[in-house]
Amino acid sequence: MLQLVLFDIDGTLIRTGGAGVHAFERTAATEFHISDGMRAMQFAGRTDTSLVREFFERHGLAATPENFQRFFDRYVFWLDHLLPRHSGAVCPGVRELLAGLRALPHPPLLGLQTGNIRLGAEIKLRHFGLWGWFEVGGFGDDDACRPTLTRRAVERAARRLGRPLTPRDVIVVGDTPHDIDCARAVGARVLAVATGGATREQLAARAPDWLVDDLTQIDARTLAGGA
């Protein structure tokens, strides 16, 4: 029986219209006085922690806990400030799939496996009215490594349920090859959706269990029926 569905955020649940990247850029400029400090960095599928570490390395800044705290404290300020000023949206089919999963006779836990730090994830999803759907998660401030934070989400779900989870109990939903790799790392099945950081062809090359153009093309009963 399906017990847990873990969603990526950016490109899977929502699009922020660039607010997240702009918040990183504003933080680099206002807190560390480095303009264009994020130029040429690849954001899709990454953890916030790994991005900040790369920024520090590129510009000769010490990757100390204090500097990470400085960066993220300012980043969440800018993120909250910029989200209403960008033309973001909930991705197609998201609300319907979440409602369908919740309405199943034996609904799974809904969780997050995301490279966003927890507060950043909350700010983004609250802005779009989605935060309340999710009960557990693994976040970018848990670990810089995506598969590790996915494991953390599964462990938290198991504690919430009061029993261990098998790989067949878990589905990961994401829009990049990184999300597929995260699912495989914990033995979970994966629903890949081509609404974000990768093309359909790039996702297909990783052989996900399901591949859709957007989440209008699949429903909760289909996912639960594959359990």
C-alpha atoms as a PDB file:
ATOM      1  CA  MET A   1       0.000   0.000   0.000  1.00  0.00           C
ATOM      2  CA  LEU A   2       1.233   3.482  -0.842  1.00  0.00           C
ATOM      3  CA  GLN A   3       2.314   5.129   2.426  1.00  0.00           C
ATOM      4  CA  LEU A   4       4.297   8.227   1.443  1.00  0.00           C
ATOM      5  CA  VAL A   5       4.482  10.613  -1.516  1.00  0.00           C
ATOM      6  CA  LEU A   6       7.408  13.048  -1.483  1.00  0.00           C
ATOM      7  CA  PHE A   7       7.338  16.117  -3.717  1.00  0.00           C
ATOM      8  CA  ASP A   8      10.089  18.369  -4.953  1.00  0.00           C
ATOM      9  CA  ILE A   9       9.079  22.051  -4.891  1.00  0.00           C
ATOM     10  CA  ASP A  10      10.571  24.251  -7.628  1.00  0.00           C
ATOM     11  CA  GLY A  11       9.408  23.204 -11.069  1.00  0.00           C
ATOM     12  CA  THR A  12       7.284  20.396  -9.617  1.00  0.00           C
ATOM     13  CA  LEU A  13       4.775  22.096  -7.315  1.00  0.00           C
ATOM     14  CA  ILE A  14       5.382  25.745  -8.168  1.00  0.00           C
ATOM     15  CA  ARG A  15       7.243  28.180 -10.354  1.00  0.00           C
ATOM     16  CA  THR A  16       8.399  31.339  -8.563  1.00  0.00           C
ATOM     17  CA  GLY A  17       9.046  33.399 -11.690  1.00  0.00           C
ATOM     18  CA  GLY A  18      12.705  33.671 -10.732  1.00  0.00           C
ATOM     19  CA  ALA A  19      12.114  34.984  -7.206  1.00  0.00           C
ATOM     20  CA  GLY A  20      14.351  32.347  -5.617  1.00  0.00           C
ATOM     21  CA  VAL A  21      17.338  33.052  -7.858  1.00  0.00           C
ATOM     22  CA  HIS A  22      16.840  36.791  -7.469  1.00  0.00           C
ATOM     23  CA  ALA A  23      16.758  36.399  -3.678  1.00  0.00           C
ATOM     24  CA  PHE A  24      20.133  34.617  -3.875  1.00  0.00           C
ATOM     25  CA  GLU A  25      21.518  37.413  -6.057  1.00  0.00           C
ATOM     26  CA  ARG A  26      20.202  40.159  -3.758  1.00  0.00           C
ATOM     27  CA  THR A  27      21.720  38.394  -0.756  1.00  0.00           C
ATOM     28  CA  ALA A  28      25.104  38.146  -2.445  1.00  0.00           C
ATOM     29  CA  ALA A  29      24.972  41.852  -3.280  1.00  0.00           C
ATOM     30  CA  THR A  30      23.566  43.257  -0.041  1.00  0.00           C
ATOM     31  CA  GLU A  31      25.145  40.982   2.574  1.00  0.00           C
ATOM     32  CA  PHE A  32      28.455  40.078   0.893  1.00  0.00           C
ATOM     33  CA  HIS A  33      28.818  43.055  -1.510  1.00  0.00           C
ATOM     34  CA  ILE A  34      29.322  40.821  -4.568  1.00  0.00           C
ATOM     35  CA  SER A  35      27.313  41.784  -7.640  1.00  0.00           C
ATOM     36  CA  ASP A  36      26.497  39.087 -10.209  1.00  0.00           C
ATOM     37  CA  GLY A  37      27.798  36.581  -7.678  1.00  0.00           C
ATOM     38  CA  MET A  38      25.518  33.805  -8.930  1.00  0.00           C
ATOM     39  CA  ARG A  39      26.258  34.188 -12.636  1.00  0.00           C
ATOM     40  CA  ALA A  40      26.680  30.856 -14.474  1.00  0.00           C
ATOM     41  CA  MET A  41      25.644  28.806 -11.450  1.00  0.00           C
ATOM     42  CA  GLN A  42      23.194  25.961 -12.137  1.00  0.00           C
ATOM     43  CA  PHE A  43      20.241  26.003  -9.736  1.00  0.00           C
ATOM     44  CA  ALA A  44      17.912  23.235 -10.963  1.00  0.00           C
ATOM     45  CA  GLY A  45      17.857  20.218  -8.661  1.00  0.00           C
ATOM     46  CA  ARG A  46      20.489  21.632  -6.291  1.00  0.00           C
ATOM     47  CA  THR A  47      20.321  22.148  -2.548  1.00  0.00           C
ATOM     48  CA  ASP A  48      20.457  25.687  -1.183  1.00  0.00           C
ATOM     49  CA  THR A  49      23.392  24.640   0.990  1.00  0.00           C
ATOM     50  CA  SER A  50      25.422  23.378  -1.970  1.00  0.00           C
ATOM     51  CA  LEU A  51      24.667  26.571  -3.922  1.00  0.00           C
ATOM     52  CA  VAL A  52      25.840  28.800  -1.078  1.00  0.00           C
ATOM     53  CA  ARG A  53      28.959  26.680  -0.628  1.00  0.00           C
ATOM     54  CA  GLU A  54      29.738  27.067  -4.340  1.00  0.00           C
ATOM     55  CA  PHE A  55      29.170  30.826  -4.075  1.00  0.00           C
ATOM     56  CA  PHE A  56      31.608  31.012  -1.162  1.00  0.00           C
ATOM     57  CA  GLU A  57      34.220  28.959  -3.038  1.00  0.00           C
ATOM     58  CA  ARG A  58      33.906  31.040  -6.212  1.00  0.00           C
ATOM     59  CA  HIS A  59      34.500  34.270  -4.317  1.00  0.00           C
ATOM     60  CA  GLY A  60      37.047  33.188  -1.727  1.00  0.00           C
ATOM     61  CA  LEU A  61      34.702  33.427   1.244  1.00  0.00           C
ATOM     62  CA  ALA A  62      35.017  31.155   4.256  1.00  0.00           C
ATOM     63  CA  ALA A  63      32.323  28.450   4.352  1.00  0.00           C
ATOM     64  CA  THR A  64      31.824  28.873   8.101  1.00  0.00           C
ATOM     65  CA  PRO A  65      28.569  28.202   9.970  1.00  0.00           C
ATOM     66  CA  GLU A  66      28.425  31.935  10.674  1.00  0.00           C
ATOM     67  CA  ASN A  67      28.613  32.832   6.985  1.00  0.00           C
ATOM     68  CA  PHE A  68      25.961  30.268   6.064  1.00  0.00           C
ATOM     69  CA  GLN A  69      23.719  31.737   8.764  1.00  0.00           C
ATOM     70  CA  ARG A  70      24.376  35.271   7.485  1.00  0.00           C
ATOM     71  CA  PHE A  71      23.498  34.208   3.962  1.00  0.00           C
ATOM     72  CA  PHE A  72      20.296  32.362   4.807  1.00  0.00           C
ATOM     73  CA  ASP A  73      19.037  34.992   7.255  1.00  0.00           C
ATOM     74  CA  ARG A  74      19.198  37.610   4.511  1.00  0.00           C
ATOM     75  CA  TYR A  75      18.034  35.198   1.793  1.00  0.00           C
ATOM     76  CA  VAL A  76      14.697  34.431   3.476  1.00  0.00           C
ATOM     77  CA  PHE A  77      14.109  38.169   3.937  1.00  0.00           C
ATOM     78  CA  TRP A  78      14.618  38.770   0.217  1.00  0.00           C
ATOM     79  CA  LEU A  79      12.604  35.703  -0.776  1.00  0.00           C
ATOM     80  CA  ASP A  80       9.590  36.853   1.214  1.00  0.00           C
ATOM     81  CA  HIS A  81       9.980  40.360  -0.213  1.00  0.00           C
ATOM     82  CA  LEU A  82      10.363  39.304  -3.856  1.00  0.00           C
ATOM     83  CA  LEU A  83       7.788  36.516  -4.244  1.00  0.00           C
ATOM     84  CA  PRO A  84       4.792  38.879  -4.565  1.00  0.00           C
ATOM     85  CA  ARG A  85       6.727  40.898  -7.166  1.00  0.00           C
ATOM     86  CA  HIS A  86       7.275  37.958  -9.526  1.00  0.00           C
ATOM     87  CA  SER A  87       4.775  36.191 -11.742  1.00  0.00           C
ATOM     88  CA  GLY A  88       4.944  32.734 -10.200  1.00  0.00           C
ATOM     89  CA  ALA A  89       2.242  30.084 -10.238  1.00  0.00           C
ATOM     90  CA  VAL A  90       1.246  26.654  -9.006  1.00  0.00           C
ATOM     91  CA  CYS A  91       2.108  24.067 -11.666  1.00  0.00           C
ATOM     92  CA  PRO A  92      -0.781  22.482 -13.585  1.00  0.00           C
ATOM     93  CA  GLY A  93      -2.550  19.620 -11.859  1.00  0.00           C
ATOM     94  CA  VAL A  94      -0.844  20.061  -8.491  1.00  0.00           C
ATOM     95  CA  ARG A  95      -3.855  20.979  -6.390  1.00  0.00           C
ATOM     96  CA  GLU A  96      -5.961  18.253  -7.997  1.00  0.00           C
ATOM     97  CA  LEU A  97      -3.338  15.557  -7.392  1.00  0.00           C
ATOM     98  CA  LEU A  98      -2.837  16.594  -3.765  1.00  0.00           C
ATOM     99  CA  ALA A  99      -6.594  16.569  -3.168  1.00  0.00           C
ATOM    100  CA  GLY A 100      -6.910  13.212  -4.903  1.00  0.00           C
ATOM    101  CA  LEU A 101      -4.189  11.655  -2.758  1.00  0.00           C
ATOM    102  CA  ARG A 102      -5.769  13.009   0.405  1.00  0.00           C
ATOM    103  CA  ALA A 103      -9.168  11.605  -0.688  1.00  0.00           C
ATOM    104  CA  LEU A 104      -7.966   8.020  -1.210  1.00  0.00           C
ATOM    105  CA  PRO A 105      -9.534   5.382   1.079  1.00  0.00           C
ATOM    106  CA  HIS A 106      -6.100   4.916   2.686  1.00  0.00           C
ATOM    107  CA  PRO A 107      -4.387   8.261   2.072  1.00  0.00           C
ATOM    108  CA  PRO A 108      -0.581   8.360   2.143  1.00  0.00           C
ATOM    109  CA  LEU A 109       1.425  10.910   4.048  1.00  0.00           C
ATOM    110  CA  LEU A 110       2.311  13.858   1.826  1.00  0.00           C
ATOM    111  CA  GLY A 111       5.830  15.185   2.248  1.00  0.00           C
ATOM    112  CA  LEU A 112       8.620  17.174   0.678  1.00  0.00           C
ATOM    113  CA  GLN A 113      12.096  16.251  -0.531  1.00  0.00           C
ATOM    114  CA  THR A 114      13.582  19.534  -1.591  1.00  0.00           C
ATOM    115  CA  GLY A 115      16.859  21.361  -1.837  1.00  0.00           C
ATOM    116  CA  ASN A 116      15.214  24.430  -0.288  1.00  0.00           C
ATOM    117  CA  ILE A 117      16.066  25.173   3.309  1.00  0.00           C
ATOM    118  CA  ARG A 118      13.003  24.528   5.452  1.00  0.00           C
ATOM    119  CA  LEU A 119      12.101  28.173   6.025  1.00  0.00           C
ATOM    120  CA  GLY A 120      12.569  28.943   2.335  1.00  0.00           C
ATOM    121  CA  ALA A 121      10.278  26.033   1.448  1.00  0.00           C
ATOM    122  CA  GLU A 122       7.666  27.286   3.876  1.00  0.00           C
ATOM    123  CA  ILE A 123       7.819  30.856   2.561  1.00  0.00           C
ATOM    124  CA  LYS A 124       7.386  29.678  -1.027  1.00  0.00           C
ATOM    125  CA  LEU A 125       4.579  27.221  -0.365  1.00  0.00           C
ATOM    126  CA  ARG A 126       2.685  29.506   2.017  1.00  0.00           C
ATOM    127  CA  HIS A 127       2.750  32.181  -0.679  1.00  0.00           C
ATOM    128  CA  PHE A 128       0.933  29.795  -3.024  1.00  0.00           C
ATOM    129  CA  GLY A 129      -1.359  28.296  -0.363  1.00  0.00           C
ATOM    130  CA  LEU A 130       0.245  24.842  -0.429  1.00  0.00           C
ATOM    131  CA  TRP A 131       2.254  24.544   2.801  1.00  0.00           C
ATOM    132  CA  GLY A 132      -0.592  23.017   4.802  1.00  0.00           C
ATOM    133  CA  TRP A 133      -0.756  19.923   2.594  1.00  0.00           C
ATOM    134  CA  PHE A 134       2.600  18.547   3.771  1.00  0.00           C
ATOM    135  CA  GLU A 135       3.298  16.690   6.999  1.00  0.00           C
ATOM    136  CA  VAL A 136       6.966  15.686   6.778  1.00  0.00           C
ATOM    137  CA  GLY A 137      10.032  16.555   4.740  1.00  0.00           C
ATOM    138  CA  GLY A 138      13.713  16.560   4.053  1.00  0.00           C
ATOM    139  CA  PHE A 139      15.216  19.988   3.382  1.00  0.00           C
ATOM    140  CA  GLY A 140      18.348  21.655   2.081  1.00  0.00           C
ATOM    141  CA  ASP A 141      19.494  22.556   5.576  1.00  0.00           C
ATOM    142  CA  ASP A 142      19.347  18.874   6.595  1.00  0.00           C
ATOM    143  CA  ASP A 143      22.187  18.052   4.227  1.00  0.00           C
ATOM    144  CA  ALA A 144      23.865  19.383   1.087  1.00  0.00           C
ATOM    145  CA  CYS A 145      23.388  15.986  -0.593  1.00  0.00           C
ATOM    146  CA  ARG A 146      19.945  15.476  -2.149  1.00  0.00           C
ATOM    147  CA  PRO A 147      19.733  11.674  -1.614  1.00  0.00           C
ATOM    148  CA  THR A 148      20.601  12.133   2.070  1.00  0.00           C
ATOM    149  CA  LEU A 149      17.809  14.626   2.650  1.00  0.00           C
ATOM    150  CA  THR A 150      15.406  12.292   0.822  1.00  0.00           C
ATOM    151  CA  ARG A 151      16.397   9.530   3.251  1.00  0.00           C
ATOM    152  CA  ARG A 152      15.783  11.971   6.080  1.00  0.00           C
ATOM    153  CA  ALA A 153      12.251  12.602   4.805  1.00  0.00           C
ATOM    154  CA  VAL A 154      11.538   8.853   4.663  1.00  0.00           C
ATOM    155  CA  GLU A 155      12.901   8.375   8.194  1.00  0.00           C
ATOM    156  CA  ARG A 156      10.687  11.179   9.533  1.00  0.00           C
ATOM    157  CA  ALA A 157       7.666   9.689   7.801  1.00  0.00           C
ATOM    158  CA  ALA A 158       8.394   6.280   9.309  1.00  0.00           C
ATOM    159  CA  ARG A 159       8.559   7.828  12.775  1.00  0.00           C
ATOM    160  CA  ARG A 160       5.282   9.653  12.138  1.00  0.00           C
ATOM    161  CA  LEU A 161       3.619   6.422  11.013  1.00  0.00           C
ATOM    162  CA  GLY A 162       5.193   4.380  13.801  1.00  0.00           C
ATOM    163  CA  ARG A 163       6.485   1.687  11.460  1.00  0.00           C
ATOM    164  CA  PRO A 164       9.282   1.188   8.932  1.00  0.00           C
ATOM    165  CA  LEU A 165       8.669   1.942   5.267  1.00  0.00           C
ATOM    166  CA  THR A 166       9.657  -0.343   2.424  1.00  0.00           C
ATOM    167  CA  PRO A 167      10.741   1.061  -0.965  1.00  0.00           C
ATOM    168  CA  ARG A 168       7.375   0.038  -2.470  1.00  0.00           C
ATOM    169  CA  ASP A 169       5.642   2.258   0.100  1.00  0.00           C
ATOM    170  CA  VAL A 170       7.218   5.469  -1.279  1.00  0.00           C
ATOM    171  CA  ILE A 171       6.848   7.548  -4.448  1.00  0.00           C
ATOM    172  CA  VAL A 172       9.005  10.599  -5.226  1.00  0.00           C
ATOM    173  CA  VAL A 173       7.632  13.290  -7.557  1.00  0.00           C
ATOM    174  CA  GLY A 174      10.113  15.632  -9.219  1.00  0.00           C
ATOM    175  CA  ASP A 175      11.107  17.531 -12.338  1.00  0.00           C
ATOM    176  CA  THR A 176      14.858  16.867 -12.687  1.00  0.00           C
ATOM    177  CA  PRO A 177      17.198  13.885 -13.021  1.00  0.00           C
ATOM    178  CA  HIS A 178      18.373  14.739  -9.486  1.00  0.00           C
ATOM    179  CA  ASP A 179      14.897  13.846  -8.187  1.00  0.00           C
ATOM    180  CA  ILE A 180      14.992  10.516 -10.014  1.00  0.00           C
ATOM    181  CA  ASP A 181      18.421   9.809  -8.508  1.00  0.00           C
ATOM    182  CA  CYS A 182      17.036  10.645  -5.047  1.00  0.00           C
ATOM    183  CA  ALA A 183      14.197   8.186  -5.507  1.00  0.00           C
ATOM    184  CA  ARG A 184      16.543   5.438  -6.661  1.00  0.00           C
ATOM    185  CA  ALA A 185      18.860   6.092  -3.711  1.00  0.00           C
ATOM    186  CA  VAL A 186      16.083   5.113  -1.287  1.00  0.00           C
ATOM    187  CA  GLY A 187      14.631   2.424  -3.559  1.00  0.00           C
ATOM    188  CA  ALA A 188      11.437   4.406  -4.171  1.00  0.00           C
ATOM    189  CA  ARG A 189       9.458   4.659  -7.342  1.00  0.00           C
ATOM    190  CA  VAL A 190       9.434   7.986  -9.130  1.00  0.00           C
ATOM    191  CA  LEU A 191       6.983  10.148 -11.030  1.00  0.00           C
ATOM    192  CA  ALA A 192       8.906  12.545 -13.283  1.00  0.00           C
ATOM    193  CA  VAL A 193       7.119  15.654 -14.520  1.00  0.00           C
ATOM    194  CA  ALA A 194       8.458  17.865 -17.313  1.00  0.00           C
ATOM    195  CA  THR A 195       7.341  21.208 -15.871  1.00  0.00           C
ATOM    196  CA  GLY A 196      10.663  22.464 -14.576  1.00  0.00           C
ATOM    197  CA  GLY A 197      14.375  21.961 -14.784  1.00  0.00           C
ATOM    198  CA  ALA A 198      14.679  19.213 -17.411  1.00  0.00           C
ATOM    199  CA  THR A 199      13.233  18.197 -20.743  1.00  0.00           C
ATOM    200  CA  ARG A 200      11.044  15.146 -21.213  1.00  0.00           C
ATOM    201  CA  GLU A 201      13.924  13.486 -23.073  1.00  0.00           C
ATOM    202  CA  GLN A 202      16.376  14.099 -20.218  1.00  0.00           C
ATOM    203  CA  LEU A 203      13.912  12.637 -17.745  1.00  0.00           C
ATOM    204  CA  ALA A 204      13.104   9.642 -19.957  1.00  0.00           C
ATOM    205  CA  ALA A 205      16.805   8.780 -20.146  1.00  0.00           C
ATOM    206  CA  ARG A 206      16.673   8.032 -16.383  1.00  0.00           C
ATOM    207  CA  ALA A 207      13.769   5.589 -16.853  1.00  0.00           C
ATOM    208  CA  PRO A 208      11.300   6.896 -14.228  1.00  0.00           C
ATOM    209  CA  ASP A 209       8.311   4.719 -13.351  1.00  0.00           C
ATOM    210  CA  TRP A 210       5.940   7.377 -14.670  1.00  0.00           C
ATOM    211  CA  LEU A 211       6.713  10.326 -16.962  1.00  0.00           C
ATOM    212  CA  VAL A 212       4.183  13.071 -17.685  1.00  0.00           C
ATOM    213  CA  ASP A 213       4.253  16.501 -19.283  1.00  0.00           C
ATOM    214  CA  ASP A 214       2.417  17.915 -16.273  1.00  0.00           C
ATOM    215  CA  LEU A 215       0.449  16.596 -13.313  1.00  0.00           C
ATOM    216  CA  THR A 216      -2.901  16.914 -15.098  1.00  0.00           C
ATOM    217  CA  GLN A 217      -1.883  13.724 -16.939  1.00  0.00           C
ATOM    218  CA  ILE A 218      -1.948  11.447 -13.887  1.00  0.00           C
ATOM    219  CA  ASP A 219      -4.275  10.938 -10.939  1.00  0.00           C
ATOM    220  CA  ALA A 220      -4.021   9.672  -7.407  1.00  0.00           C
ATOM    221  CA  ARG A 221      -5.694   6.338  -8.109  1.00  0.00           C
ATOM    222  CA  THR A 222      -3.141   5.582 -10.828  1.00  0.00           C
ATOM    223  CA  LEU A 223      -0.286   6.175  -8.377  1.00  0.00           C
ATOM    224  CA  ALA A 224      -1.938   4.213  -5.586  1.00  0.00           C
ATOM    225  CA  GLY A 225      -2.854   1.418  -7.986  1.00  0.00           C
ATOM    226  CA  GLY A 226       0.802   0.915  -8.825  1.00  0.00           C
ATOM    227  CA  ALA A 227       1.653   0.267  -5.162  1.00  0.00           C
END
